[in-house]
Amino acid sequence: MGGTDVVTGTVGTVDGFSYGVITPLAAYLMACLGGALGLRCTTRSLLVERSWRPGWLALGATAIGSGIWTMHFIAMMGFSVAESPLNYDKRTTFASLAVAVVMVGVGIFIVGYRGSTPMSLVTGGTITGLGVASMHYLGMAGMRLRGHLEYDTKVVALSVVIAVVAATAALWAAVTVRGFLPAVGASLVMGGAVSGMHYTAMASVSVRLHGGFTDIGGSAPATLLAPMLIGPVVFLVIAGVVVMFDPLLVMGTPDWKKPGETTPPVLRPRRPVYPVLPRADQGYGQAYDRAYDQVQGQVRGYGYGRLPGRNGGQGPDRAWDRP
């Protein structure tokens, strides 16, 4: 590539599938993996004590952000311009990863603490979707070539809408979908939506070439992207191991329960009731009756039914009733 001179202003020949279906398939799988881990971590955050929730939400945001970022640059490995080599600016590329994780985190924390209300889903989904779109176009801004990129405004707007809708649906699934198979299905749909957003955005790209053989700067994909992708991929694998060994995180229900099985209520003891000592003007029989009634109510609170009467269950419960 770039072996012949071109006239300034010429439209370059763009190919988004230089390696065939390998890069789209690999990118889709990474998006699914990041989405699956992120959704499960978000679900887990709703099932733990409040003090542990930020950690699980942060893990979920990092998983989704890393998965989306990895998907984007794996797909970009197959992008080429026939008339120019392609390099990437290291700082801009790293910044796109930070944008993805931070903005996805903001959306996840909103839903994690506010629940699945319409307002929280719309707000969180919009922020997350804009974060995904920002990551994509910031990553594209880090591309270096003998020319500049031009975009179709309508297609760009469509890609942003797809990102927002996909993010909102993903957040809804994170707080409502329970069980292993439904979670897998939601992750596959999310991976497809993110990949669809990426290739929709790439359809809006055209390259306007510059003449000459000037130095384009940046680093070649093989020397920059390949090492950079190792970190997020290793993180996703480690997070996947955490998911595999946490039944509550995988199934969404404690102790590998079957779907539809309910958890029996936990019997919590009421505040202890102590018998009241008789006053001087009261007989011991009346004091016993009052103490018996108090203990009887406490036993009912445990769910064990009634105590037998003083006389072994024969006759009235209060055997010391007197006329």
C-alpha atoms as a PDB file:
ATOM      1  CA  MET A   1       0.000   0.000   0.000  1.00  0.00           C
ATOM      2  CA  GLY A   2       1.092   3.551  -0.594  1.00  0.00           C
ATOM      3  CA  GLY A   3       3.559   2.554  -3.333  1.00  0.00           C
ATOM      4  CA  THR A   4       2.182   4.945  -5.966  1.00  0.00           C
ATOM      5  CA  ASP A   5       1.688   8.694  -5.938  1.00  0.00           C
ATOM      6  CA  VAL A   6      -1.880  10.010  -5.924  1.00  0.00           C
ATOM      7  CA  VAL A   7      -3.520  13.310  -6.778  1.00  0.00           C
ATOM      8  CA  THR A   8      -4.545  15.401  -3.799  1.00  0.00           C
ATOM      9  CA  GLY A   9      -8.290  15.218  -3.224  1.00  0.00           C
ATOM     10  CA  THR A  10      -8.728  11.771  -4.744  1.00  0.00           C
ATOM     11  CA  VAL A  11     -11.129   9.469  -2.895  1.00  0.00           C
ATOM     12  CA  GLY A  12      -9.273   6.468  -1.524  1.00  0.00           C
ATOM     13  CA  THR A  13     -10.283   2.827  -1.975  1.00  0.00           C
ATOM     14  CA  VAL A  14     -11.536   1.629   1.413  1.00  0.00           C
ATOM     15  CA  ASP A  15     -11.782  -2.041   2.399  1.00  0.00           C
ATOM     16  CA  GLY A  16     -13.240  -2.934   5.796  1.00  0.00           C
ATOM     17  CA  PHE A  17     -12.785  -6.692   5.425  1.00  0.00           C
ATOM     18  CA  SER A  18      -9.167  -7.182   4.403  1.00  0.00           C
ATOM     19  CA  TYR A  19      -9.044 -10.529   6.251  1.00  0.00           C
ATOM     20  CA  GLY A  20     -12.497 -11.729   5.244  1.00  0.00           C
ATOM     21  CA  VAL A  21     -14.842 -12.851   8.027  1.00  0.00           C
ATOM     22  CA  ILE A  22     -12.025 -13.451  10.536  1.00  0.00           C
ATOM     23  CA  THR A  23     -11.922  -9.955  12.003  1.00  0.00           C
ATOM     24  CA  PRO A  24     -15.730  -9.403  12.112  1.00  0.00           C
ATOM     25  CA  LEU A  25     -16.256 -12.776  13.798  1.00  0.00           C
ATOM     26  CA  ALA A  26     -13.457 -12.252  16.321  1.00  0.00           C
ATOM     27  CA  ALA A  27     -14.723  -8.735  17.043  1.00  0.00           C
ATOM     28  CA  TYR A  28     -18.260 -10.020  17.578  1.00  0.00           C
ATOM     29  CA  LEU A  29     -17.068 -12.712  20.006  1.00  0.00           C
ATOM     30  CA  MET A  30     -15.129 -10.159  22.063  1.00  0.00           C
ATOM     31  CA  ALA A  31     -18.173  -7.881  22.194  1.00  0.00           C
ATOM     32  CA  CYS A  32     -20.302 -10.802  23.388  1.00  0.00           C
ATOM     33  CA  LEU A  33     -17.748 -11.771  26.035  1.00  0.00           C
ATOM     34  CA  GLY A  34     -17.451  -8.244  27.383  1.00  0.00           C
ATOM     35  CA  GLY A  35     -21.215  -7.826  27.352  1.00  0.00           C
ATOM     36  CA  ALA A  36     -21.821 -11.147  29.127  1.00  0.00           C
ATOM     37  CA  LEU A  37     -19.357 -10.371  31.896  1.00  0.00           C
ATOM     38  CA  GLY A  38     -20.614  -6.830  32.305  1.00  0.00           C
ATOM     39  CA  LEU A  39     -24.261  -7.872  32.488  1.00  0.00           C
ATOM     40  CA  ARG A  40     -23.537 -10.631  35.011  1.00  0.00           C
ATOM     41  CA  CYS A  41     -21.430  -8.326  37.190  1.00  0.00           C
ATOM     42  CA  THR A  42     -24.210  -5.749  37.174  1.00  0.00           C
ATOM     43  CA  THR A  43     -26.716  -8.431  38.155  1.00  0.00           C
ATOM     44  CA  ARG A  44     -24.391  -9.588  40.929  1.00  0.00           C
ATOM     45  CA  SER A  45     -24.172  -6.060  42.295  1.00  0.00           C
ATOM     46  CA  LEU A  46     -27.932  -6.123  42.933  1.00  0.00           C
ATOM     47  CA  LEU A  47     -27.680  -9.316  44.978  1.00  0.00           C
ATOM     48  CA  VAL A  48     -24.961  -8.307  47.434  1.00  0.00           C
ATOM     49  CA  GLU A  49     -24.721  -5.920  50.331  1.00  0.00           C
ATOM     50  CA  ARG A  50     -24.610  -2.259  49.431  1.00  0.00           C
ATOM     51  CA  SER A  51     -20.979  -1.924  50.506  1.00  0.00           C
ATOM     52  CA  TRP A  52     -19.903  -4.440  47.823  1.00  0.00           C
ATOM     53  CA  ARG A  53     -21.996  -2.918  45.044  1.00  0.00           C
ATOM     54  CA  PRO A  54     -19.486  -0.325  43.759  1.00  0.00           C
ATOM     55  CA  GLY A  55     -16.850  -3.006  43.225  1.00  0.00           C
ATOM     56  CA  TRP A  56     -19.116  -5.223  41.147  1.00  0.00           C
ATOM     57  CA  LEU A  57     -20.430  -2.261  39.148  1.00  0.00           C
ATOM     58  CA  ALA A  58     -16.878  -1.076  38.453  1.00  0.00           C
ATOM     59  CA  LEU A  59     -15.924  -4.585  37.331  1.00  0.00           C
ATOM     60  CA  GLY A  60     -18.949  -4.700  35.033  1.00  0.00           C
ATOM     61  CA  ALA A  61     -18.164  -1.293  33.535  1.00  0.00           C
ATOM     62  CA  THR A  62     -14.551  -2.292  32.900  1.00  0.00           C
ATOM     63  CA  ALA A  63     -15.668  -5.559  31.290  1.00  0.00           C
ATOM     64  CA  ILE A  64     -18.147  -3.886  28.936  1.00  0.00           C
ATOM     65  CA  GLY A  65     -15.791  -1.010  28.107  1.00  0.00           C
ATOM     66  CA  SER A  66     -12.865  -3.342  27.456  1.00  0.00           C
ATOM     67  CA  GLY A  67     -15.021  -5.666  25.360  1.00  0.00           C
ATOM     68  CA  ILE A  68     -16.332  -2.834  23.177  1.00  0.00           C
ATOM     69  CA  TRP A  69     -12.874  -1.296  22.783  1.00  0.00           C
ATOM     70  CA  THR A  70     -11.311  -4.661  21.925  1.00  0.00           C
ATOM     71  CA  MET A  71     -14.093  -5.346  19.437  1.00  0.00           C
ATOM     72  CA  HIS A  72     -13.511  -2.008  17.734  1.00  0.00           C
ATOM     73  CA  PHE A  73      -9.787  -2.405  17.205  1.00  0.00           C
ATOM     74  CA  ILE A  74      -9.971  -6.077  16.234  1.00  0.00           C
ATOM     75  CA  ALA A  75     -12.419  -4.994  13.542  1.00  0.00           C
ATOM     76  CA  MET A  76     -10.097  -2.149  12.573  1.00  0.00           C
ATOM     77  CA  MET A  77      -7.305  -4.660  11.952  1.00  0.00           C
ATOM     78  CA  GLY A  78      -9.263  -5.547   8.815  1.00  0.00           C
ATOM     79  CA  PHE A  79      -9.638  -1.928   7.689  1.00  0.00           C
ATOM     80  CA  SER A  80      -7.324  -0.731   4.920  1.00  0.00           C
ATOM     81  CA  VAL A  81      -6.934   2.025   2.335  1.00  0.00           C
ATOM     82  CA  ALA A  82      -5.344   0.813  -0.885  1.00  0.00           C
ATOM     83  CA  GLU A  83      -3.427   4.032  -1.572  1.00  0.00           C
ATOM     84  CA  SER A  84      -2.018   4.656   1.928  1.00  0.00           C
ATOM     85  CA  PRO A  85      -0.592   2.847   4.943  1.00  0.00           C
ATOM     86  CA  LEU A  86      -2.459   3.133   8.244  1.00  0.00           C
ATOM     87  CA  ASN A  87      -0.960   3.949  11.626  1.00  0.00           C
ATOM     88  CA  TYR A  88      -2.475   4.821  15.007  1.00  0.00           C
ATOM     89  CA  ASP A  89      -1.631   7.493  17.558  1.00  0.00           C
ATOM     90  CA  LYS A  90      -0.909   5.842  20.899  1.00  0.00           C
ATOM     91  CA  ARG A  91      -2.324   8.554  23.190  1.00  0.00           C
ATOM     92  CA  THR A  92      -5.584   8.904  21.315  1.00  0.00           C
ATOM     93  CA  THR A  93      -6.005   5.145  21.189  1.00  0.00           C
ATOM     94  CA  PHE A  94      -5.519   4.809  24.945  1.00  0.00           C
ATOM     95  CA  ALA A  95      -7.852   7.753  25.533  1.00  0.00           C
ATOM     96  CA  SER A  96     -10.613   5.978  23.616  1.00  0.00           C
ATOM     97  CA  LEU A  97     -10.346   3.026  26.030  1.00  0.00           C
ATOM     98  CA  ALA A  98     -10.604   5.353  29.035  1.00  0.00           C
ATOM     99  CA  VAL A  99     -13.659   7.090  27.541  1.00  0.00           C
ATOM    100  CA  ALA A 100     -15.388   3.742  26.985  1.00  0.00           C
ATOM    101  CA  VAL A 101     -14.811   2.504  30.545  1.00  0.00           C
ATOM    102  CA  VAL A 102     -15.687   5.799  32.277  1.00  0.00           C
ATOM    103  CA  MET A 103     -18.874   6.584  30.365  1.00  0.00           C
ATOM    104  CA  VAL A 104     -20.111   3.005  30.466  1.00  0.00           C
ATOM    105  CA  GLY A 105     -19.389   3.090  34.203  1.00  0.00           C
ATOM    106  CA  VAL A 106     -21.507   6.205  34.683  1.00  0.00           C
ATOM    107  CA  GLY A 107     -24.475   4.544  32.977  1.00  0.00           C
ATOM    108  CA  ILE A 108     -24.080   1.301  34.917  1.00  0.00           C
ATOM    109  CA  PHE A 109     -23.803   3.088  38.272  1.00  0.00           C
ATOM    110  CA  ILE A 110     -26.982   5.056  37.543  1.00  0.00           C
ATOM    111  CA  VAL A 111     -28.956   1.883  36.894  1.00  0.00           C
ATOM    112  CA  GLY A 112     -27.185  -0.040  39.660  1.00  0.00           C
ATOM    113  CA  TYR A 113     -28.285   2.455  42.309  1.00  0.00           C
ATOM    114  CA  ARG A 114     -31.523   3.782  40.821  1.00  0.00           C
ATOM    115  CA  GLY A 115     -32.931   0.501  39.548  1.00  0.00           C
ATOM    116  CA  SER A 116     -34.808  -0.214  36.344  1.00  0.00           C
ATOM    117  CA  THR A 117     -37.036   2.854  36.399  1.00  0.00           C
ATOM    118  CA  PRO A 118     -37.741   4.407  32.982  1.00  0.00           C
ATOM    119  CA  MET A 119     -35.835   7.560  33.885  1.00  0.00           C
ATOM    120  CA  SER A 120     -32.720   5.723  35.067  1.00  0.00           C
ATOM    121  CA  LEU A 121     -32.713   3.412  32.037  1.00  0.00           C
ATOM    122  CA  VAL A 122     -33.084   6.294  29.581  1.00  0.00           C
ATOM    123  CA  THR A 123     -30.439   8.388  31.347  1.00  0.00           C
ATOM    124  CA  GLY A 124     -27.997   5.553  31.841  1.00  0.00           C
ATOM    125  CA  GLY A 125     -28.571   4.159  28.360  1.00  0.00           C
ATOM    126  CA  THR A 126     -28.060   7.546  26.731  1.00  0.00           C
ATOM    127  CA  ILE A 127     -24.802   8.178  28.592  1.00  0.00           C
ATOM    128  CA  THR A 128     -23.532   4.667  27.907  1.00  0.00           C
ATOM    129  CA  GLY A 129     -24.517   4.815  24.238  1.00  0.00           C
ATOM    130  CA  LEU A 130     -22.831   8.187  23.777  1.00  0.00           C
ATOM    131  CA  GLY A 131     -19.764   6.705  25.469  1.00  0.00           C
ATOM    132  CA  VAL A 132     -19.674   3.827  22.988  1.00  0.00           C
ATOM    133  CA  ALA A 133     -20.049   6.213  20.048  1.00  0.00           C
ATOM    134  CA  SER A 134     -17.416   8.568  21.490  1.00  0.00           C
ATOM    135  CA  MET A 135     -14.990   5.687  21.890  1.00  0.00           C
ATOM    136  CA  HIS A 136     -15.515   4.696  18.264  1.00  0.00           C
ATOM    137  CA  TYR A 137     -15.031   8.133  16.727  1.00  0.00           C
ATOM    138  CA  LEU A 138     -12.172   9.026  19.077  1.00  0.00           C
ATOM    139  CA  GLY A 139     -10.447   5.817  18.008  1.00  0.00           C
ATOM    140  CA  MET A 140     -11.004   6.779  14.387  1.00  0.00           C
ATOM    141  CA  ALA A 141      -9.525  10.219  15.115  1.00  0.00           C
ATOM    142  CA  GLY A 142      -6.357   8.465  16.225  1.00  0.00           C
ATOM    143  CA  MET A 143      -5.880   6.943  12.787  1.00  0.00           C
ATOM    144  CA  ARG A 144      -2.958   8.301  10.744  1.00  0.00           C
ATOM    145  CA  LEU A 145      -2.836   8.024   6.939  1.00  0.00           C
ATOM    146  CA  ARG A 146      -1.965  10.072   3.829  1.00  0.00           C
ATOM    147  CA  GLY A 147      -5.286  11.770   3.785  1.00  0.00           C
ATOM    148  CA  HIS A 148      -8.205  12.638   6.049  1.00  0.00           C
ATOM    149  CA  LEU A 149     -11.488  10.976   6.931  1.00  0.00           C
ATOM    150  CA  GLU A 150     -14.880  12.294   5.899  1.00  0.00           C
ATOM    151  CA  TYR A 151     -18.211  11.170   7.331  1.00  0.00           C
ATOM    152  CA  ASP A 152     -21.795  10.969   6.122  1.00  0.00           C
ATOM    153  CA  THR A 153     -23.704  12.914   8.784  1.00  0.00           C
ATOM    154  CA  LYS A 154     -26.911  10.902   8.449  1.00  0.00           C
ATOM    155  CA  VAL A 155     -25.146   7.563   8.833  1.00  0.00           C
ATOM    156  CA  VAL A 156     -23.196   8.908  11.821  1.00  0.00           C
ATOM    157  CA  ALA A 157     -26.464   9.944  13.474  1.00  0.00           C
ATOM    158  CA  LEU A 158     -27.888   6.487  12.782  1.00  0.00           C
ATOM    159  CA  SER A 159     -24.861   4.832  14.399  1.00  0.00           C
ATOM    160  CA  VAL A 160     -25.285   6.970  17.526  1.00  0.00           C
ATOM    161  CA  VAL A 161     -28.966   6.048  17.755  1.00  0.00           C
ATOM    162  CA  ILE A 162     -28.068   2.364  17.443  1.00  0.00           C
ATOM    163  CA  ALA A 163     -25.485   2.758  20.218  1.00  0.00           C
ATOM    164  CA  VAL A 164     -27.972   4.454  22.578  1.00  0.00           C
ATOM    165  CA  VAL A 165     -30.742   1.912  21.926  1.00  0.00           C
ATOM    166  CA  ALA A 166     -28.335  -1.003  22.317  1.00  0.00           C
ATOM    167  CA  ALA A 167     -26.941   0.416  25.565  1.00  0.00           C
ATOM    168  CA  THR A 168     -30.411   1.026  27.005  1.00  0.00           C
ATOM    169  CA  ALA A 169     -31.489  -2.513  26.135  1.00  0.00           C
ATOM    170  CA  ALA A 170     -28.291  -3.898  27.676  1.00  0.00           C
ATOM    171  CA  LEU A 171     -28.838  -2.020  30.941  1.00  0.00           C
ATOM    172  CA  TRP A 172     -32.436  -3.204  31.069  1.00  0.00           C
ATOM    173  CA  ALA A 173     -31.262  -6.783  30.578  1.00  0.00           C
ATOM    174  CA  ALA A 174     -28.643  -6.360  33.298  1.00  0.00           C
ATOM    175  CA  VAL A 175     -31.240  -5.565  35.971  1.00  0.00           C
ATOM    176  CA  THR A 176     -34.109  -7.777  34.796  1.00  0.00           C
ATOM    177  CA  VAL A 177     -32.731 -10.899  33.068  1.00  0.00           C
ATOM    178  CA  ARG A 178     -32.171 -13.835  35.426  1.00  0.00           C
ATOM    179  CA  GLY A 179     -30.804 -17.282  34.684  1.00  0.00           C
ATOM    180  CA  PHE A 180     -27.883 -18.519  32.628  1.00  0.00           C
ATOM    181  CA  LEU A 181     -29.493 -19.101  29.210  1.00  0.00           C
ATOM    182  CA  PRO A 182     -31.431 -15.791  29.122  1.00  0.00           C
ATOM    183  CA  ALA A 183     -28.210 -13.986  30.064  1.00  0.00           C
ATOM    184  CA  VAL A 184     -26.337 -15.709  27.227  1.00  0.00           C
ATOM    185  CA  GLY A 185     -29.067 -14.688  24.795  1.00  0.00           C
ATOM    186  CA  ALA A 186     -28.947 -11.088  25.989  1.00  0.00           C
ATOM    187  CA  SER A 187     -25.160 -11.070  25.580  1.00  0.00           C
ATOM    188  CA  LEU A 188     -25.387 -12.367  22.010  1.00  0.00           C
ATOM    189  CA  VAL A 189     -27.921  -9.680  21.146  1.00  0.00           C
ATOM    190  CA  MET A 190     -25.773  -7.013  22.777  1.00  0.00           C
ATOM    191  CA  GLY A 191     -22.682  -8.195  20.869  1.00  0.00           C
ATOM    192  CA  GLY A 192     -24.629  -8.048  17.623  1.00  0.00           C
ATOM    193  CA  ALA A 193     -25.895  -4.545  18.401  1.00  0.00           C
ATOM    194  CA  VAL A 194     -22.422  -3.227  19.245  1.00  0.00           C
ATOM    195  CA  SER A 195     -20.916  -4.816  16.123  1.00  0.00           C
ATOM    196  CA  GLY A 196     -23.779  -3.447  14.053  1.00  0.00           C
ATOM    197  CA  MET A 197     -23.135   0.023  15.444  1.00  0.00           C
ATOM    198  CA  HIS A 198     -19.444  -0.276  14.534  1.00  0.00           C
ATOM    199  CA  TYR A 199     -19.973  -1.341  10.938  1.00  0.00           C
ATOM    200  CA  THR A 200     -22.776   1.183  10.482  1.00  0.00           C
ATOM    201  CA  ALA A 201     -20.357   3.889  11.588  1.00  0.00           C
ATOM    202  CA  MET A 202     -17.671   2.528   9.253  1.00  0.00           C
ATOM    203  CA  ALA A 203     -20.135   2.718   6.375  1.00  0.00           C
ATOM    204  CA  SER A 204     -20.161   6.501   6.815  1.00  0.00           C
ATOM    205  CA  VAL A 205     -16.384   6.776   6.296  1.00  0.00           C
ATOM    206  CA  SER A 206     -14.684   7.931   3.135  1.00  0.00           C
ATOM    207  CA  VAL A 207     -11.014   8.872   2.693  1.00  0.00           C
ATOM    208  CA  ARG A 208      -9.850  11.994   0.893  1.00  0.00           C
ATOM    209  CA  LEU A 209      -6.211  11.401  -0.045  1.00  0.00           C
ATOM    210  CA  HIS A 210      -3.286  13.805   0.149  1.00  0.00           C
ATOM    211  CA  GLY A 211      -0.577  13.740  -2.479  1.00  0.00           C
ATOM    212  CA  GLY A 212       3.051  12.871  -1.852  1.00  0.00           C
ATOM    213  CA  PHE A 213       4.836  10.462   0.439  1.00  0.00           C
ATOM    214  CA  THR A 214       4.934  12.453   3.680  1.00  0.00           C
ATOM    215  CA  ASP A 215       5.504  10.734   6.994  1.00  0.00           C
ATOM    216  CA  ILE A 216       2.108   9.908   8.510  1.00  0.00           C
ATOM    217  CA  GLY A 217       3.378   9.447  12.085  1.00  0.00           C
ATOM    218  CA  GLY A 218       1.909   7.097  14.675  1.00  0.00           C
ATOM    219  CA  SER A 219       2.609   3.396  15.085  1.00  0.00           C
ATOM    220  CA  ALA A 220       1.788   0.515  12.796  1.00  0.00           C
ATOM    221  CA  PRO A 221      -1.159  -1.687  13.839  1.00  0.00           C
ATOM    222  CA  ALA A 222       1.071  -4.732  14.278  1.00  0.00           C
ATOM    223  CA  THR A 223       3.344  -2.899  16.730  1.00  0.00           C
ATOM    224  CA  LEU A 224       0.666  -0.908  18.589  1.00  0.00           C
ATOM    225  CA  LEU A 225      -2.724  -2.610  18.459  1.00  0.00           C
ATOM    226  CA  ALA A 226      -1.594  -6.193  18.927  1.00  0.00           C
ATOM    227  CA  PRO A 227       0.266  -5.536  22.234  1.00  0.00           C
ATOM    228  CA  MET A 228      -2.469  -3.152  23.422  1.00  0.00           C
ATOM    229  CA  LEU A 229      -5.160  -5.768  22.852  1.00  0.00           C
ATOM    230  CA  ILE A 230      -3.385  -8.279  25.101  1.00  0.00           C
ATOM    231  CA  GLY A 231      -4.242  -6.394  28.308  1.00  0.00           C
ATOM    232  CA  PRO A 232      -8.023  -6.131  27.791  1.00  0.00           C
ATOM    233  CA  VAL A 233      -8.212  -9.708  26.502  1.00  0.00           C
ATOM    234  CA  VAL A 234      -6.363 -11.044  29.564  1.00  0.00           C
ATOM    235  CA  PHE A 235      -8.643  -8.999  31.809  1.00  0.00           C
ATOM    236  CA  LEU A 236     -11.753 -10.405  30.137  1.00  0.00           C
ATOM    237  CA  VAL A 237     -10.436 -13.947  30.527  1.00  0.00           C
ATOM    238  CA  ILE A 238      -9.739 -13.418  34.244  1.00  0.00           C
ATOM    239  CA  ALA A 239     -13.165 -11.863  34.746  1.00  0.00           C
ATOM    240  CA  GLY A 240     -14.647 -14.849  32.919  1.00  0.00           C
ATOM    241  CA  VAL A 241     -12.960 -17.198  35.380  1.00  0.00           C
ATOM    242  CA  VAL A 242     -14.492 -15.228  38.246  1.00  0.00           C
ATOM    243  CA  VAL A 243     -17.907 -15.658  36.659  1.00  0.00           C
ATOM    244  CA  MET A 244     -17.410 -19.384  36.129  1.00  0.00           C
ATOM    245  CA  PHE A 245     -16.676 -20.014  39.804  1.00  0.00           C
ATOM    246  CA  ASP A 246     -19.458 -17.858  41.216  1.00  0.00           C
ATOM    247  CA  PRO A 247     -22.803 -19.701  40.982  1.00  0.00           C
ATOM    248  CA  LEU A 248     -24.772 -16.666  42.097  1.00  0.00           C
ATOM    249  CA  LEU A 249     -23.139 -14.558  39.395  1.00  0.00           C
ATOM    250  CA  VAL A 250     -23.749 -17.087  36.626  1.00  0.00           C
ATOM    251  CA  MET A 251     -27.274 -18.166  37.471  1.00  0.00           C
ATOM    252  CA  GLY A 252     -28.607 -14.928  38.880  1.00  0.00           C
ATOM    253  CA  THR A 253     -30.230 -16.946  41.690  1.00  0.00           C
ATOM    254  CA  PRO A 254     -28.602 -18.248  44.869  1.00  0.00           C
ATOM    255  CA  ASP A 255     -27.432 -21.832  45.282  1.00  0.00           C
ATOM    256  CA  TRP A 256     -28.060 -22.815  41.670  1.00  0.00           C
ATOM    257  CA  LYS A 257     -31.822 -22.730  42.194  1.00  0.00           C
ATOM    258  CA  LYS A 258     -34.139 -23.856  39.448  1.00  0.00           C
ATOM    259  CA  PRO A 259     -36.066 -21.124  37.596  1.00  0.00           C
ATOM    260  CA  GLY A 260     -39.286 -20.297  39.415  1.00  0.00           C
ATOM    261  CA  GLU A 261     -38.111 -21.735  42.731  1.00  0.00           C
ATOM    262  CA  THR A 262     -38.607 -19.299  45.556  1.00  0.00           C
ATOM    263  CA  THR A 263     -36.472 -18.787  48.595  1.00  0.00           C
ATOM    264  CA  PRO A 264     -38.264 -19.591  51.877  1.00  0.00           C
ATOM    265  CA  PRO A 265     -38.591 -16.586  54.137  1.00  0.00           C
ATOM    266  CA  VAL A 266     -35.996 -16.258  56.839  1.00  0.00           C
ATOM    267  CA  LEU A 267     -37.554 -16.507  60.288  1.00  0.00           C
ATOM    268  CA  ARG A 268     -36.224 -13.657  62.314  1.00  0.00           C
ATOM    269  CA  PRO A 269     -36.827 -13.614  66.072  1.00  0.00           C
ATOM    270  CA  ARG A 270     -38.805 -10.752  67.396  1.00  0.00           C
ATOM    271  CA  ARG A 271     -37.612  -8.596  70.200  1.00  0.00           C
ATOM    272  CA  PRO A 272     -37.604 -10.695  73.389  1.00  0.00           C
ATOM    273  CA  VAL A 273     -40.571 -10.191  75.693  1.00  0.00           C
ATOM    274  CA  TYR A 274     -39.936 -10.649  79.364  1.00  0.00           C
ATOM    275  CA  PRO A 275     -42.678 -11.567  81.845  1.00  0.00           C
ATOM    276  CA  VAL A 276     -43.986  -8.711  83.938  1.00  0.00           C
ATOM    277  CA  LEU A 277     -43.598  -9.234  87.667  1.00  0.00           C
ATOM    278  CA  PRO A 278     -46.850  -8.972  89.624  1.00  0.00           C
ATOM    279  CA  ARG A 279     -47.597  -5.912  91.674  1.00  0.00           C
ATOM    280  CA  ALA A 280     -48.527  -6.222  95.269  1.00  0.00           C
ATOM    281  CA  ASP A 281     -52.231  -5.821  94.500  1.00  0.00           C
ATOM    282  CA  GLN A 282     -52.260  -8.582  91.859  1.00  0.00           C
ATOM    283  CA  GLY A 283     -52.448 -12.295  92.330  1.00  0.00           C
ATOM    284  CA  TYR A 284     -49.846 -14.635  90.894  1.00  0.00           C
ATOM    285  CA  GLY A 285     -52.457 -16.305  88.688  1.00  0.00           C
ATOM    286  CA  GLN A 286     -53.187 -13.066  86.818  1.00  0.00           C
ATOM    287  CA  ALA A 287     -49.456 -12.334  86.434  1.00  0.00           C
ATOM    288  CA  TYR A 288     -48.887 -15.782  84.980  1.00  0.00           C
ATOM    289  CA  ASP A 289     -51.740 -15.299  82.497  1.00  0.00           C
ATOM    290  CA  ARG A 290     -50.285 -12.016  81.291  1.00  0.00           C
ATOM    291  CA  ALA A 291     -46.772 -13.465  80.956  1.00  0.00           C
ATOM    292  CA  TYR A 292     -48.164 -16.503  79.130  1.00  0.00           C
ATOM    293  CA  ASP A 293     -49.933 -14.266  76.591  1.00  0.00           C
ATOM    294  CA  GLN A 294     -46.739 -12.352  75.934  1.00  0.00           C
ATOM    295  CA  VAL A 295     -44.633 -15.472  75.400  1.00  0.00           C
ATOM    296  CA  GLN A 296     -47.401 -17.000  73.246  1.00  0.00           C
ATOM    297  CA  GLY A 297     -47.275 -14.011  70.899  1.00  0.00           C
ATOM    298  CA  GLN A 298     -43.500 -14.240  70.690  1.00  0.00           C
ATOM    299  CA  VAL A 299     -43.658 -17.944  69.789  1.00  0.00           C
ATOM    300  CA  ARG A 300     -46.146 -17.207  67.057  1.00  0.00           C
ATOM    301  CA  GLY A 301     -43.595 -14.776  65.615  1.00  0.00           C
ATOM    302  CA  TYR A 302     -41.236 -17.706  65.106  1.00  0.00           C
ATOM    303  CA  GLY A 303     -43.926 -19.536  63.129  1.00  0.00           C
ATOM    304  CA  TYR A 304     -44.187 -22.528  65.466  1.00  0.00           C
ATOM    305  CA  GLY A 305     -47.909 -22.288  66.266  1.00  0.00           C
ATOM    306  CA  ARG A 306     -49.280 -22.163  69.820  1.00  0.00           C
ATOM    307  CA  LEU A 307     -47.914 -23.433  73.071  1.00  0.00           C
ATOM    308  CA  PRO A 308     -49.924 -26.043  74.954  1.00  0.00           C
ATOM    309  CA  GLY A 309     -51.885 -24.894  77.960  1.00  0.00           C
ATOM    310  CA  ARG A 310     -50.613 -25.155  81.476  1.00  0.00           C
ATOM    311  CA  ASN A 311     -52.580 -28.382  81.897  1.00  0.00           C
ATOM    312  CA  GLY A 312     -50.923 -30.120  78.892  1.00  0.00           C
ATOM    313  CA  GLY A 313     -53.328 -28.859  76.244  1.00  0.00           C
ATOM    314  CA  GLN A 314     -56.523 -30.102  77.899  1.00  0.00           C
ATOM    315  CA  GLY A 315     -59.082 -27.417  78.517  1.00  0.00           C
ATOM    316  CA  PRO A 316     -58.358 -23.717  78.207  1.00  0.00           C
ATOM    317  CA  ASP A 317     -54.841 -22.490  77.500  1.00  0.00           C
ATOM    318  CA  ARG A 318     -54.866 -20.524  80.716  1.00  0.00           C
ATOM    319  CA  ALA A 319     -55.478 -23.148  83.316  1.00  0.00           C
ATOM    320  CA  TRP A 320     -55.313 -20.640  86.151  1.00  0.00           C
ATOM    321  CA  ASP A 321     -58.322 -18.655  84.984  1.00  0.00           C
ATOM    322  CA  ARG A 322     -60.424 -17.925  87.948  1.00  0.00           C
ATOM    323  CA  PRO A 323     -63.880 -16.439  88.219  1.00  0.00           C
END
